[in-house]
């Protein structure tokens, strides 16, 4: 299932885009998908860093902590 969103761009930009045979809708969709993946990876990395700081020097099962975190998110 897909959703439609609108993006406002200047006429000059639209004219420039028209000069090239690019499926701009597909390009934007893929770009948004990649950005979301990047943001999710960063969120996970930040969370793991916070766990490491809290557990420094303690005997903690990181695999178990990660599994529990994934269940919540």
C-alpha atoms as a PDB file:
ATOM      1  CA  UNK A   1       0.000   0.000   0.000  1.00  0.00           C
ATOM      2  CA  UNK A   2       1.296   3.454  -0.737  1.00  0.00           C
ATOM      3  CA  UNK A   3       0.516   7.002   0.298  1.00  0.00           C
ATOM      4  CA  UNK A   4       0.793  10.206  -1.680  1.00  0.00           C
ATOM      5  CA  UNK A   5       2.583  13.260  -0.336  1.00  0.00           C
ATOM      6  CA  UNK A   6       3.041  16.680  -1.895  1.00  0.00           C
ATOM      7  CA  UNK A   7       6.278  18.616  -2.168  1.00  0.00           C
ATOM      8  CA  UNK A   8       6.473  22.273  -3.121  1.00  0.00           C
ATOM      9  CA  UNK A   9       9.373  23.241  -5.367  1.00  0.00           C
ATOM     10  CA  UNK A  10      10.152  26.360  -7.336  1.00  0.00           C
ATOM     11  CA  UNK A  11       9.225  26.590 -11.004  1.00  0.00           C
ATOM     12  CA  UNK A  12      12.917  26.951 -11.852  1.00  0.00           C
ATOM     13  CA  UNK A  13      13.710  23.705 -10.074  1.00  0.00           C
ATOM     14  CA  UNK A  14      10.818  21.934 -11.807  1.00  0.00           C
ATOM     15  CA  UNK A  15      12.035  23.222 -15.181  1.00  0.00           C
ATOM     16  CA  UNK A  16      15.534  21.892 -14.458  1.00  0.00           C
ATOM     17  CA  UNK A  17      14.139  18.511 -13.421  1.00  0.00           C
ATOM     18  CA  UNK A  18      12.165  18.278 -16.673  1.00  0.00           C
ATOM     19  CA  UNK A  19      15.416  18.410 -18.654  1.00  0.00           C
ATOM     20  CA  UNK A  20      16.380  14.945 -17.414  1.00  0.00           C
ATOM     21  CA  UNK A  21      14.734  11.573 -17.863  1.00  0.00           C
ATOM     22  CA  UNK A  22      14.548  10.679 -14.201  1.00  0.00           C
ATOM     23  CA  UNK A  23      11.627   9.128 -12.382  1.00  0.00           C
ATOM     24  CA  UNK A  24      11.671  11.790  -9.665  1.00  0.00           C
ATOM     25  CA  UNK A  25       8.925  10.137  -7.646  1.00  0.00           C
ATOM     26  CA  UNK A  26      10.898   6.889  -7.461  1.00  0.00           C
ATOM     27  CA  UNK A  27      14.115   8.787  -6.719  1.00  0.00           C
ATOM     28  CA  UNK A  28      12.514  10.680  -3.828  1.00  0.00           C
ATOM     29  CA  UNK A  29      10.874   7.544  -2.467  1.00  0.00           C
ATOM     30  CA  UNK A  30      14.205   5.681  -2.435  1.00  0.00           C
ATOM     31  CA  UNK A  31      15.980   8.683  -0.913  1.00  0.00           C
ATOM     32  CA  UNK A  32      13.439   8.884   1.901  1.00  0.00           C
ATOM     33  CA  UNK A  33      13.737   5.134   2.492  1.00  0.00           C
ATOM     34  CA  UNK A  34      17.539   5.356   2.730  1.00  0.00           C
ATOM     35  CA  UNK A  35      17.345   8.324   5.121  1.00  0.00           C
ATOM     36  CA  UNK A  36      14.936   6.425   7.367  1.00  0.00           C
ATOM     37  CA  UNK A  37      17.285   3.425   7.443  1.00  0.00           C
ATOM     38  CA  UNK A  38      20.175   5.731   8.351  1.00  0.00           C
ATOM     39  CA  UNK A  39      18.176   7.359  11.163  1.00  0.00           C
ATOM     40  CA  UNK A  40      17.132   3.960  12.547  1.00  0.00           C
ATOM     41  CA  UNK A  41      20.761   2.761  12.554  1.00  0.00           C
ATOM     42  CA  UNK A  42      21.818   5.924  14.380  1.00  0.00           C
ATOM     43  CA  UNK A  43      19.044   5.509  16.943  1.00  0.00           C
ATOM     44  CA  UNK A  44      20.155   1.941  17.636  1.00  0.00           C
ATOM     45  CA  UNK A  45      23.824   2.946  17.848  1.00  0.00           C
ATOM     46  CA  UNK A  46      22.989   5.770  20.267  1.00  0.00           C
ATOM     47  CA  UNK A  47      20.976   3.392  22.411  1.00  0.00           C
ATOM     48  CA  UNK A  48      23.807   0.854  22.484  1.00  0.00           C
ATOM     49  CA  UNK A  49      26.228   3.611  23.486  1.00  0.00           C
ATOM     50  CA  UNK A  50      23.956   4.599  26.370  1.00  0.00           C
ATOM     51  CA  UNK A  51      23.803   0.965  27.507  1.00  0.00           C
ATOM     52  CA  UNK A  52      27.586   0.688  27.340  1.00  0.00           C
ATOM     53  CA  UNK A  53      27.974   3.803  29.492  1.00  0.00           C
ATOM     54  CA  UNK A  54      25.507   2.498  32.082  1.00  0.00           C
ATOM     55  CA  UNK A  55      27.070  -0.962  32.185  1.00  0.00           C
ATOM     56  CA  UNK A  56      30.767  -0.099  32.052  1.00  0.00           C
ATOM     57  CA  UNK A  57      32.594  -2.521  34.344  1.00  0.00           C
ATOM     58  CA  UNK A  58      29.484  -4.612  35.058  1.00  0.00           C
ATOM     59  CA  UNK A  59      28.784  -8.173  33.945  1.00  0.00           C
ATOM     60  CA  UNK A  60      25.806  -7.647  31.578  1.00  0.00           C
ATOM     61  CA  UNK A  61      24.460  -9.893  28.806  1.00  0.00           C
ATOM     62  CA  UNK A  62      24.380  -7.422  25.889  1.00  0.00           C
ATOM     63  CA  UNK A  63      22.564  -9.839  23.567  1.00  0.00           C
ATOM     64  CA  UNK A  64      19.715 -10.084  26.076  1.00  0.00           C
ATOM     65  CA  UNK A  65      19.618  -6.290  26.485  1.00  0.00           C
ATOM     66  CA  UNK A  66      19.417  -5.791  22.715  1.00  0.00           C
ATOM     67  CA  UNK A  67      16.618  -8.345  22.354  1.00  0.00           C
ATOM     68  CA  UNK A  68      14.614  -6.622  25.103  1.00  0.00           C
ATOM     69  CA  UNK A  69      15.147  -3.215  23.492  1.00  0.00           C
ATOM     70  CA  UNK A  70      14.006  -4.505  20.098  1.00  0.00           C
ATOM     71  CA  UNK A  71      10.810  -5.878  21.624  1.00  0.00           C
ATOM     72  CA  UNK A  72       9.991  -2.392  22.928  1.00  0.00           C
ATOM     73  CA  UNK A  73      10.679  -0.648  19.626  1.00  0.00           C
END
